[in-house]
Structures are given as structure tokens and as C-alpha cells.
Amino acid sequence: VVSPHGMLEPWALKHSAIKKRLAGWCFERRNLQTADCLHALCA
């Protein structure tokens, strides 16, 4: 299970945006796509 804890909020993605785009390309998008379940705090 993966809990992002708000780290995919639009404002959060804009903070250190280059680092997060690089991390997403290298590993994070794959980590999220292969999780069995994602946990969100709200709709």
C-alpha cells in the first residue's frame, strides 16, 4: 500500500518541480503504478 500524504497535490508538485519530475521518471511513477492499493486522505 502506498500513502502519498498529499505529495501529489498540484502545489506540492510545483515545489522542487525538476527534482520531482526526474524522480517520477526514474522510479516514483513505477512505484505507484505497481502498488496493490493507493491510500488517499480525501476525495
ModelCIF file with pLDDT and N, C-alpha, C, O atoms, coordinates in Angstrom:
data_MODEL
#
_entry.id   MODEL 
#
_entity.id                         1 
_entity.type                       polymer 
_entity.pdbx_number_of_molecules   1 
#
_entity_poly.entity_id                      1 
_entity_poly.type                           'polypeptide(L)' 
_entity_poly.nstd_linkage                   no 
_entity_poly.nstd_monomer                   no 
_entity_poly.pdbx_seq_one_letter_code       VVSPHGMLEPWALKHSAIKKRLAGWCFERRNLQTADCLHALCA 
_entity_poly.pdbx_seq_one_letter_code_can   VVSPHGMLEPWALKHSAIKKRLAGWCFERRNLQTADCLHALCA 
_entity_poly.pdbx_strand_id                 A 
#
loop_
_entity_poly_seq.entity_id 
_entity_poly_seq.num 
_entity_poly_seq.mon_id 
_entity_poly_seq.hetero 
1 1  VAL n 
1 2  VAL n 
1 3  SER n 
1 4  PRO n 
1 5  HIS n 
1 6  GLY n 
1 7  MET n 
1 8  LEU n 
1 9  GLU n 
1 10 PRO n 
1 11 TRP n 
1 12 ALA n 
1 13 LEU n 
1 14 LYS n 
1 15 HIS n 
1 16 SER n 
1 17 ALA n 
1 18 ILE n 
1 19 LYS n 
1 20 LYS n 
1 21 ARG n 
1 22 LEU n 
1 23 ALA n 
1 24 GLY n 
1 25 TRP n 
1 26 CYS n 
1 27 PHE n 
1 28 GLU n 
1 29 ARG n 
1 30 ARG n 
1 31 ASN n 
1 32 LEU n 
1 33 GLN n 
1 34 THR n 
1 35 ALA n 
1 36 ASP n 
1 37 CYS n 
1 38 LEU n 
1 39 HIS n 
1 40 ALA n 
1 41 LEU n 
1 42 CYS n 
1 43 ALA n 
#
_struct_asym.id          A 
_struct_asym.entity_id   1 
#
loop_
_ma_qa_metric.id 
_ma_qa_metric.mode 
_ma_qa_metric.name 
_ma_qa_metric.software_group_id 
_ma_qa_metric.type 
1 global pLDDT . pLDDT 
2 local  pLDDT . pLDDT 
#
_ma_qa_metric_global.metric_id      1 
_ma_qa_metric_global.metric_value   95.23 
_ma_qa_metric_global.model_id       1 
_ma_qa_metric_global.ordinal_id     1 
#
loop_
_ma_qa_metric_local.label_asym_id 
_ma_qa_metric_local.label_comp_id 
_ma_qa_metric_local.label_seq_id 
_ma_qa_metric_local.metric_id 
_ma_qa_metric_local.metric_value 
_ma_qa_metric_local.model_id 
_ma_qa_metric_local.ordinal_id 
A VAL 1  2 98.00 1 1  
A VAL 2  2 98.00 1 2  
A SER 3  2 98.00 1 3  
A PRO 4  2 97.00 1 4  
A HIS 5  2 96.00 1 5  
A GLY 6  2 94.00 1 6  
A MET 7  2 96.00 1 7  
A LEU 8  2 96.00 1 8  
A GLU 9  2 94.00 1 9  
A PRO 10 2 93.00 1 10 
A TRP 11 2 89.00 1 11 
A ALA 12 2 91.00 1 12 
A LEU 13 2 94.00 1 13 
A LYS 14 2 91.00 1 14 
A HIS 15 2 87.00 1 15 
A SER 16 2 90.00 1 16 
A ALA 17 2 94.00 1 17 
A ILE 18 2 94.00 1 18 
A LYS 19 2 92.00 1 19 
A LYS 20 2 95.00 1 20 
A ARG 21 2 95.00 1 21 
A LEU 22 2 95.00 1 22 
A ALA 23 2 94.00 1 23 
A GLY 24 2 95.00 1 24 
A TRP 25 2 96.00 1 25 
A CYS 26 2 95.00 1 26 
A PHE 27 2 96.00 1 27 
A GLU 28 2 97.00 1 28 
A ARG 29 2 97.00 1 29 
A ARG 30 2 96.00 1 30 
A ASN 31 2 97.00 1 31 
A LEU 32 2 97.00 1 32 
A GLN 33 2 97.00 1 33 
A THR 34 2 97.00 1 34 
A ALA 35 2 97.00 1 35 
A ASP 36 2 97.00 1 36 
A CYS 37 2 98.00 1 37 
A LEU 38 2 98.00 1 38 
A HIS 39 2 98.00 1 39 
A ALA 40 2 97.00 1 40 
A LEU 41 2 96.00 1 41 
A CYS 42 2 96.00 1 42 
A ALA 43 2 97.00 1 43 
#
loop_
_atom_site.group_PDB 
_atom_site.id 
_atom_site.type_symbol 
_atom_site.label_atom_id 
_atom_site.label_alt_id 
_atom_site.label_comp_id 
_atom_site.label_asym_id 
_atom_site.label_entity_id 
_atom_site.label_seq_id 
_atom_site.pdbx_PDB_ins_code 
_atom_site.Cartn_x 
_atom_site.Cartn_y 
_atom_site.Cartn_z 
_atom_site.occupancy 
_atom_site.B_iso_or_equiv 
_atom_site.pdbx_formal_charge 
_atom_site.auth_seq_id 
_atom_site.auth_comp_id 
_atom_site.auth_asym_id 
_atom_site.auth_atom_id 
_atom_site.pdbx_PDB_model_num 
ATOM 1   N N  . VAL A 1 1  ? 0.858   -1.177 0.000   1.00 98.00 ? 1  VAL A N  1 
ATOM 2   C CA . VAL A 1 1  ? 0.000   0.000  0.000   1.00 98.00 ? 1  VAL A CA 1 
ATOM 3   C C  . VAL A 1 1  ? 0.900   1.235  0.000   1.00 98.00 ? 1  VAL A C  1 
ATOM 4   O O  . VAL A 1 1  ? 1.917   1.265  0.693   1.00 98.00 ? 1  VAL A O  1 
ATOM 5   N N  . VAL A 1 2  ? 0.525   2.254  -0.778  1.00 98.00 ? 2  VAL A N  1 
ATOM 6   C CA . VAL A 1 2  ? 1.298   3.497  -0.804  1.00 98.00 ? 2  VAL A CA 1 
ATOM 7   C C  . VAL A 1 2  ? 0.396   4.651  -0.396  1.00 98.00 ? 2  VAL A C  1 
ATOM 8   O O  . VAL A 1 2  ? -0.684  4.834  -0.958  1.00 98.00 ? 2  VAL A O  1 
ATOM 9   N N  . SER A 1 3  ? 0.845   5.429  0.587   1.00 98.00 ? 3  SER A N  1 
ATOM 10  C CA . SER A 1 3  ? 0.144   6.636  1.042   1.00 98.00 ? 3  SER A CA 1 
ATOM 11  C C  . SER A 1 3  ? 0.989   7.855  0.662   1.00 98.00 ? 3  SER A C  1 
ATOM 12  O O  . SER A 1 3  ? 2.015   8.095  1.300   1.00 98.00 ? 3  SER A O  1 
ATOM 13  N N  . PRO A 1 4  ? 0.597   8.631  -0.351  1.00 97.00 ? 4  PRO A N  1 
ATOM 14  C CA . PRO A 1 4  ? 1.385   9.809  -0.743  1.00 97.00 ? 4  PRO A CA 1 
ATOM 15  C C  . PRO A 1 4  ? 1.340   10.947 0.276   1.00 97.00 ? 4  PRO A C  1 
ATOM 16  O O  . PRO A 1 4  ? 2.225   11.803 0.275   1.00 97.00 ? 4  PRO A O  1 
ATOM 17  N N  . HIS A 1 5  ? 0.329   10.973 1.144   1.00 96.00 ? 5  HIS A N  1 
ATOM 18  C CA . HIS A 1 5  ? 0.213   12.028 2.165   1.00 96.00 ? 5  HIS A CA 1 
ATOM 19  C C  . HIS A 1 5  ? 0.251   13.423 1.549   1.00 96.00 ? 5  HIS A C  1 
ATOM 20  O O  . HIS A 1 5  ? 0.961   14.303 2.037   1.00 96.00 ? 5  HIS A O  1 
ATOM 21  N N  . GLY A 1 6  ? -0.507  13.622 0.484   1.00 94.00 ? 6  GLY A N  1 
ATOM 22  C CA . GLY A 1 6  ? -0.629  14.944 -0.114  1.00 94.00 ? 6  GLY A CA 1 
ATOM 23  C C  . GLY A 1 6  ? 0.502   15.350 -1.032  1.00 94.00 ? 6  GLY A C  1 
ATOM 24  O O  . GLY A 1 6  ? 0.509   16.479 -1.523  1.00 94.00 ? 6  GLY A O  1 
ATOM 25  N N  . MET A 1 7  ? 1.465   14.464 -1.285  1.00 96.00 ? 7  MET A N  1 
ATOM 26  C CA . MET A 1 7  ? 2.635   14.847 -2.057  1.00 96.00 ? 7  MET A CA 1 
ATOM 27  C C  . MET A 1 7  ? 2.386   14.893 -3.558  1.00 96.00 ? 7  MET A C  1 
ATOM 28  O O  . MET A 1 7  ? 3.299   15.214 -4.319  1.00 96.00 ? 7  MET A O  1 
ATOM 29  N N  . LEU A 1 8  ? 1.166   14.579 -4.003  1.00 96.00 ? 8  LEU A N  1 
ATOM 30  C CA . LEU A 1 8  ? 0.810   14.749 -5.407  1.00 96.00 ? 8  LEU A CA 1 
ATOM 31  C C  . LEU A 1 8  ? -0.158  15.907 -5.606  1.00 96.00 ? 8  LEU A C  1 
ATOM 32  O O  . LEU A 1 8  ? -0.736  16.061 -6.682  1.00 96.00 ? 8  LEU A O  1 
ATOM 33  N N  . GLU A 1 9  ? -0.333  16.724 -4.566  1.00 94.00 ? 9  GLU A N  1 
ATOM 34  C CA . GLU A 1 9  ? -1.117  17.949 -4.724  1.00 94.00 ? 9  GLU A CA 1 
ATOM 35  C C  . GLU A 1 9  ? -0.425  18.839 -5.763  1.00 94.00 ? 9  GLU A C  1 
ATOM 36  O O  . GLU A 1 9  ? 0.804   18.873 -5.811  1.00 94.00 ? 9  GLU A O  1 
ATOM 37  N N  . PRO A 1 10 ? -1.186  19.560 -6.595  1.00 93.00 ? 10 PRO A N  1 
ATOM 38  C CA . PRO A 1 10 ? -0.563  20.427 -7.615  1.00 93.00 ? 10 PRO A CA 1 
ATOM 39  C C  . PRO A 1 10 ? 0.479   21.381 -7.048  1.00 93.00 ? 10 PRO A C  1 
ATOM 40  O O  . PRO A 1 10 ? 1.541   21.559 -7.644  1.00 93.00 ? 10 PRO A O  1 
ATOM 41  N N  . TRP A 1 11 ? 0.187   22.005 -5.888  1.00 89.00 ? 11 TRP A N  1 
ATOM 42  C CA . TRP A 1 11 ? 1.158   22.944 -5.313  1.00 89.00 ? 11 TRP A CA 1 
ATOM 43  C C  . TRP A 1 11 ? 2.416   22.213 -4.865  1.00 89.00 ? 11 TRP A C  1 
ATOM 44  O O  . TRP A 1 11 ? 3.516   22.758 -4.946  1.00 89.00 ? 11 TRP A O  1 
ATOM 45  N N  . ALA A 1 12 ? 2.252   20.950 -4.381  1.00 91.00 ? 12 ALA A N  1 
ATOM 46  C CA . ALA A 1 12 ? 3.416   20.179 -3.938  1.00 91.00 ? 12 ALA A CA 1 
ATOM 47  C C  . ALA A 1 12 ? 4.289   19.787 -5.122  1.00 91.00 ? 12 ALA A C  1 
ATOM 48  O O  . ALA A 1 12 ? 5.515   19.775 -5.010  1.00 91.00 ? 12 ALA A O  1 
ATOM 49  N N  . LEU A 1 13 ? 3.669   19.465 -6.255  1.00 94.00 ? 13 LEU A N  1 
ATOM 50  C CA . LEU A 1 13 ? 4.437   19.091 -7.439  1.00 94.00 ? 13 LEU A CA 1 
ATOM 51  C C  . LEU A 1 13 ? 5.219   20.275 -8.003  1.00 94.00 ? 13 LEU A C  1 
ATOM 52  O O  . LEU A 1 13 ? 6.247   20.088 -8.654  1.00 94.00 ? 13 LEU A O  1 
ATOM 53  N N  . LYS A 1 14 ? 4.734   21.494 -7.753  1.00 91.00 ? 14 LYS A N  1 
ATOM 54  C CA . LYS A 1 14 ? 5.438   22.684 -8.239  1.00 91.00 ? 14 LYS A CA 1 
ATOM 55  C C  . LYS A 1 14 ? 6.670   23.006 -7.402  1.00 91.00 ? 14 LYS A C  1 
ATOM 56  O O  . LYS A 1 14 ? 7.586   23.681 -7.872  1.00 91.00 ? 14 LYS A O  1 
ATOM 57  N N  . HIS A 1 15 ? 6.691   22.518 -6.153  1.00 87.00 ? 15 HIS A N  1 
ATOM 58  C CA . HIS A 1 15 ? 7.843   22.745 -5.275  1.00 87.00 ? 15 HIS A CA 1 
ATOM 59  C C  . HIS A 1 15 ? 8.938   21.745 -5.639  1.00 87.00 ? 15 HIS A C  1 
ATOM 60  O O  . HIS A 1 15 ? 8.689   20.539 -5.654  1.00 87.00 ? 15 HIS A O  1 
ATOM 61  N N  . SER A 1 16 ? 10.139  22.223 -5.931  1.00 90.00 ? 16 SER A N  1 
ATOM 62  C CA . SER A 1 16 ? 11.242  21.370 -6.419  1.00 90.00 ? 16 SER A CA 1 
ATOM 63  C C  . SER A 1 16 ? 10.762  20.539 -7.603  1.00 90.00 ? 16 SER A C  1 
ATOM 64  O O  . SER A 1 16 ? 10.965  19.326 -7.654  1.00 90.00 ? 16 SER A O  1 
ATOM 65  N N  . ALA A 1 17 ? 10.123  21.215 -8.551  1.00 94.00 ? 17 ALA A N  1 
ATOM 66  C CA . ALA A 1 17 ? 9.446   20.525 -9.659  1.00 94.00 ? 17 ALA A CA 1 
ATOM 67  C C  . ALA A 1 17 ? 10.401  19.683 -10.500 1.00 94.00 ? 17 ALA A C  1 
ATOM 68  O O  . ALA A 1 17 ? 10.058  18.568 -10.893 1.00 94.00 ? 17 ALA A O  1 
ATOM 69  N N  . ILE A 1 18 ? 11.587  20.199 -10.779 1.00 94.00 ? 18 ILE A N  1 
ATOM 70  C CA . ILE A 1 18 ? 12.528  19.459 -11.631 1.00 94.00 ? 18 ILE A CA 1 
ATOM 71  C C  . ILE A 1 18 ? 12.944  18.158 -10.949 1.00 94.00 ? 18 ILE A C  1 
ATOM 72  O O  . ILE A 1 18 ? 12.987  17.101 -11.577 1.00 94.00 ? 18 ILE A O  1 
ATOM 73  N N  . LYS A 1 19 ? 13.252  18.250 -9.646  1.00 92.00 ? 19 LYS A N  1 
ATOM 74  C CA . LYS A 1 19 ? 13.636  17.054 -8.894  1.00 92.00 ? 19 LYS A CA 1 
ATOM 75  C C  . LYS A 1 19 ? 12.520  16.010 -8.928  1.00 92.00 ? 19 LYS A C  1 
ATOM 76  O O  . LYS A 1 19 ? 12.784  14.820 -9.097  1.00 92.00 ? 19 LYS A O  1 
ATOM 77  N N  . LYS A 1 20 ? 11.277  16.457 -8.768  1.00 95.00 ? 20 LYS A N  1 
ATOM 78  C CA . LYS A 1 20 ? 10.155  15.512 -8.706  1.00 95.00 ? 20 LYS A CA 1 
ATOM 79  C C  . LYS A 1 20 ? 9.835   14.920 -10.066 1.00 95.00 ? 20 LYS A C  1 
ATOM 80  O O  . LYS A 1 20 ? 9.442   13.758 -10.160 1.00 95.00 ? 20 LYS A O  1 
ATOM 81  N N  . ARG A 1 21 ? 9.999   15.713 -11.126 1.00 95.00 ? 21 ARG A N  1 
ATOM 82  C CA . ARG A 1 21 ? 9.804   15.145 -12.465 1.00 95.00 ? 21 ARG A CA 1 
ATOM 83  C C  . ARG A 1 21 ? 10.858  14.096 -12.758 1.00 95.00 ? 21 ARG A C  1 
ATOM 84  O O  . ARG A 1 21 ? 10.568  13.057 -13.351 1.00 95.00 ? 21 ARG A O  1 
ATOM 85  N N  . LEU A 1 22 ? 12.088  14.378 -12.338 1.00 95.00 ? 22 LEU A N  1 
ATOM 86  C CA . LEU A 1 22 ? 13.172  13.404 -12.548 1.00 95.00 ? 22 LEU A CA 1 
ATOM 87  C C  . LEU A 1 22 ? 12.927  12.150 -11.723 1.00 95.00 ? 22 LEU A C  1 
ATOM 88  O O  . LEU A 1 22 ? 13.083  11.036 -12.225 1.00 95.00 ? 22 LEU A O  1 
ATOM 89  N N  . ALA A 1 23 ? 12.537  12.326 -10.437 1.00 94.00 ? 23 ALA A N  1 
ATOM 90  C CA . ALA A 1 23 ? 12.251  11.173 -9.581  1.00 94.00 ? 23 ALA A CA 1 
ATOM 91  C C  . ALA A 1 23 ? 11.077  10.367 -10.125 1.00 94.00 ? 23 ALA A C  1 
ATOM 92  O O  . ALA A 1 23 ? 11.084  9.137  -10.081 1.00 94.00 ? 23 ALA A O  1 
ATOM 93  N N  . GLY A 1 24 ? 10.060  11.075 -10.643 1.00 95.00 ? 24 GLY A N  1 
ATOM 94  C CA . GLY A 1 24 ? 8.920   10.378 -11.226 1.00 95.00 ? 24 GLY A CA 1 
ATOM 95  C C  . GLY A 1 24 ? 9.320   9.531  -12.411 1.00 95.00 ? 24 GLY A C  1 
ATOM 96  O O  . GLY A 1 24 ? 8.866   8.397  -12.562 1.00 95.00 ? 24 GLY A O  1 
ATOM 97  N N  . TRP A 1 25 ? 10.176  10.091 -13.253 1.00 96.00 ? 25 TRP A N  1 
ATOM 98  C CA . TRP A 1 25 ? 10.634  9.363  -14.434 1.00 96.00 ? 25 TRP A CA 1 
ATOM 99  C C  . TRP A 1 25 ? 11.525  8.179  -14.050 1.00 96.00 ? 25 TRP A C  1 
ATOM 100 O O  . TRP A 1 25 ? 11.437  7.110  -14.653 1.00 96.00 ? 25 TRP A O  1 
ATOM 101 N N  . CYS A 1 26 ? 12.381  8.376  -13.044 1.00 95.00 ? 26 CYS A N  1 
ATOM 102 C CA . CYS A 1 26 ? 13.341  7.329  -12.662 1.00 95.00 ? 26 CYS A CA 1 
ATOM 103 C C  . CYS A 1 26 ? 12.684  6.187  -11.889 1.00 95.00 ? 26 CYS A C  1 
ATOM 104 O O  . CYS A 1 26 ? 12.979  5.020  -12.146 1.00 95.00 ? 26 CYS A O  1 
ATOM 105 N N  . PHE A 1 27 ? 11.789  6.512  -10.936 1.00 96.00 ? 27 PHE A N  1 
ATOM 106 C CA . PHE A 1 27 ? 11.283  5.433  -10.085 1.00 96.00 ? 27 PHE A CA 1 
ATOM 107 C C  . PHE A 1 27 ? 9.875   5.656  -9.530  1.00 96.00 ? 27 PHE A C  1 
ATOM 108 O O  . PHE A 1 27 ? 9.138   4.683  -9.371  1.00 96.00 ? 27 PHE A O  1 
ATOM 109 N N  . GLU A 1 28 ? 9.470   6.892  -9.229  1.00 97.00 ? 28 GLU A N  1 
ATOM 110 C CA . GLU A 1 28 ? 8.260   7.053  -8.434  1.00 97.00 ? 28 GLU A CA 1 
ATOM 111 C C  . GLU A 1 28 ? 6.988   6.689  -9.173  1.00 97.00 ? 28 GLU A C  1 
ATOM 112 O O  . GLU A 1 28 ? 6.089   6.087  -8.586  1.00 97.00 ? 28 GLU A O  1 
ATOM 113 N N  . ARG A 1 29 ? 6.891   7.039  -10.448 1.00 97.00 ? 29 ARG A N  1 
ATOM 114 C CA . ARG A 1 29 ? 5.690   6.683  -11.191 1.00 97.00 ? 29 ARG A CA 1 
ATOM 115 C C  . ARG A 1 29 ? 5.530   5.164  -11.255 1.00 97.00 ? 29 ARG A C  1 
ATOM 116 O O  . ARG A 1 29 ? 4.422   4.644  -11.121 1.00 97.00 ? 29 ARG A O  1 
ATOM 117 N N  . ARG A 1 30 ? 6.638   4.461  -11.459 1.00 96.00 ? 30 ARG A N  1 
ATOM 118 C CA . ARG A 1 30 ? 6.600   2.988  -11.493 1.00 96.00 ? 30 ARG A CA 1 
ATOM 119 C C  . ARG A 1 30 ? 6.216   2.430  -10.130 1.00 96.00 ? 30 ARG A C  1 
ATOM 120 O O  . ARG A 1 30 ? 5.434   1.483  -10.042 1.00 96.00 ? 30 ARG A O  1 
ATOM 121 N N  . ASN A 1 31 ? 6.769   3.021  -9.053  1.00 97.00 ? 31 ASN A N  1 
ATOM 122 C CA . ASN A 1 31 ? 6.421   2.564  -7.705  1.00 97.00 ? 31 ASN A CA 1 
ATOM 123 C C  . ASN A 1 31 ? 4.915   2.670  -7.458  1.00 97.00 ? 31 ASN A C  1 
ATOM 124 O O  . ASN A 1 31 ? 4.306   1.759  -6.896  1.00 97.00 ? 31 ASN A O  1 
ATOM 125 N N  . LEU A 1 32 ? 4.323   3.782  -7.881  1.00 97.00 ? 32 LEU A N  1 
ATOM 126 C CA . LEU A 1 32 ? 2.895   3.989  -7.677  1.00 97.00 ? 32 LEU A CA 1 
ATOM 127 C C  . LEU A 1 32 ? 2.061   3.079  -8.578  1.00 97.00 ? 32 LEU A C  1 
ATOM 128 O O  . LEU A 1 32 ? 1.029   2.555  -8.158  1.00 97.00 ? 32 LEU A O  1 
ATOM 129 N N  . GLN A 1 33 ? 2.508   2.897  -9.801  1.00 97.00 ? 33 GLN A N  1 
ATOM 130 C CA . GLN A 1 33 ? 1.744   2.082  -10.748 1.00 97.00 ? 33 GLN A CA 1 
ATOM 131 C C  . GLN A 1 33 ? 1.763   0.599  -10.400 1.00 97.00 ? 33 GLN A C  1 
ATOM 132 O O  . GLN A 1 33 ? 0.890   -0.150 -10.837 1.00 97.00 ? 33 GLN A O  1 
ATOM 133 N N  . THR A 1 34 ? 2.748   0.170  -9.619  1.00 97.00 ? 34 THR A N  1 
ATOM 134 C CA . THR A 1 34 ? 2.836   -1.246 -9.263  1.00 97.00 ? 34 THR A CA 1 
ATOM 135 C C  . THR A 1 34 ? 2.320   -1.550 -7.860  1.00 97.00 ? 34 THR A C  1 
ATOM 136 O O  . THR A 1 34 ? 2.374   -2.696 -7.414  1.00 97.00 ? 34 THR A O  1 
ATOM 137 N N  . ALA A 1 35 ? 1.819   -0.529 -7.160  1.00 97.00 ? 35 ALA A N  1 
ATOM 138 C CA . ALA A 1 35 ? 1.251   -0.758 -5.819  1.00 97.00 ? 35 ALA A CA 1 
ATOM 139 C C  . ALA A 1 35 ? -0.035  -1.562 -5.937  1.00 97.00 ? 35 ALA A C  1 
ATOM 140 O O  . ALA A 1 35 ? -0.731  -1.485 -6.949  1.00 97.00 ? 35 ALA A O  1 
ATOM 141 N N  . ASP A 1 36 ? -0.350  -2.332 -4.904  1.00 97.00 ? 36 ASP A N  1 
ATOM 142 C CA . ASP A 1 36 ? -1.608  -3.081 -4.882  1.00 97.00 ? 36 ASP A CA 1 
ATOM 143 C C  . ASP A 1 36 ? -2.781  -2.191 -4.520  1.00 97.00 ? 36 ASP A C  1 
ATOM 144 O O  . ASP A 1 36 ? -3.913  -2.443 -4.933  1.00 97.00 ? 36 ASP A O  1 
ATOM 145 N N  . CYS A 1 37 ? -2.505  -1.142 -3.741  1.00 98.00 ? 37 CYS A N  1 
ATOM 146 C CA . CYS A 1 37 ? -3.559  -0.207 -3.344  1.00 98.00 ? 37 CYS A CA 1 
ATOM 147 C C  . CYS A 1 37 ? -2.919  1.140  -3.030  1.00 98.00 ? 37 CYS A C  1 
ATOM 148 O O  . CYS A 1 37 ? -1.820  1.208  -2.478  1.00 98.00 ? 37 CYS A O  1 
ATOM 149 N N  . LEU A 1 38 ? -3.623  2.207  -3.390  1.00 98.00 ? 38 LEU A N  1 
ATOM 150 C CA . LEU A 1 38 ? -3.192  3.557  -3.049  1.00 98.00 ? 38 LEU A CA 1 
ATOM 151 C C  . LEU A 1 38 ? -4.126  4.108  -1.978  1.00 98.00 ? 38 LEU A C  1 
ATOM 152 O O  . LEU A 1 38 ? -5.335  3.876  -2.010  1.00 98.00 ? 38 LEU A O  1 
ATOM 153 N N  . HIS A 1 39 ? -3.553  4.834  -1.037  1.00 98.00 ? 39 HIS A N  1 
ATOM 154 C CA . HIS A 1 39 ? -4.333  5.387  0.068   1.00 98.00 ? 39 HIS A CA 1 
ATOM 155 C C  . HIS A 1 39 ? -4.416  6.895  -0.086  1.00 98.00 ? 39 HIS A C  1 
ATOM 156 O O  . HIS A 1 39 ? -3.390  7.575  -0.122  1.00 98.00 ? 39 HIS A O  1 
ATOM 157 N N  . ALA A 1 40 ? -5.638  7.425  -0.178  1.00 97.00 ? 40 ALA A N  1 
ATOM 158 C CA . ALA A 1 40 ? -5.870  8.865  -0.239  1.00 97.00 ? 40 ALA A CA 1 
ATOM 159 C C  . ALA A 1 40 ? -6.569  9.314  1.029   1.00 97.00 ? 40 ALA A C  1 
ATOM 160 O O  . ALA A 1 40 ? -7.371  8.573  1.599   1.00 97.00 ? 40 ALA A O  1 
ATOM 161 N N  . LEU A 1 41 ? -6.268  10.522 1.469   1.00 96.00 ? 41 LEU A N  1 
ATOM 162 C CA . LEU A 1 41 ? -6.866  11.051 2.693   1.00 96.00 ? 41 LEU A CA 1 
ATOM 163 C C  . LEU A 1 41 ? -8.244  11.652 2.454   1.00 96.00 ? 41 LEU A C  1 
ATOM 164 O O  . LEU A 1 41 ? -9.029  11.801 3.391   1.00 96.00 ? 41 LEU A O  1 
ATOM 165 N N  . CYS A 1 42 ? -8.542  11.996 1.206   1.00 96.00 ? 42 CYS A N  1 
ATOM 166 C CA . CYS A 1 42 ? -9.827  12.615 0.883   1.00 96.00 ? 42 CYS A CA 1 
ATOM 167 C C  . CYS A 1 42 ? -10.088 12.428 -0.604  1.00 96.00 ? 42 CYS A C  1 
ATOM 168 O O  . CYS A 1 42 ? -9.226  11.955 -1.343  1.00 96.00 ? 42 CYS A O  1 
ATOM 169 N N  . ALA A 1 43 ? -11.296 12.808 -1.036  1.00 97.00 ? 43 ALA A N  1 
ATOM 170 C CA . ALA A 1 43 ? -11.674 12.632 -2.441  1.00 97.00 ? 43 ALA A CA 1 
ATOM 171 C C  . ALA A 1 43 ? -10.776 13.456 -3.364  1.00 97.00 ? 43 ALA A C  1 
ATOM 172 O O  . ALA A 1 43 ? -10.952 13.428 -4.582  1.00 97.00 ? 43 ALA A O  1 
#
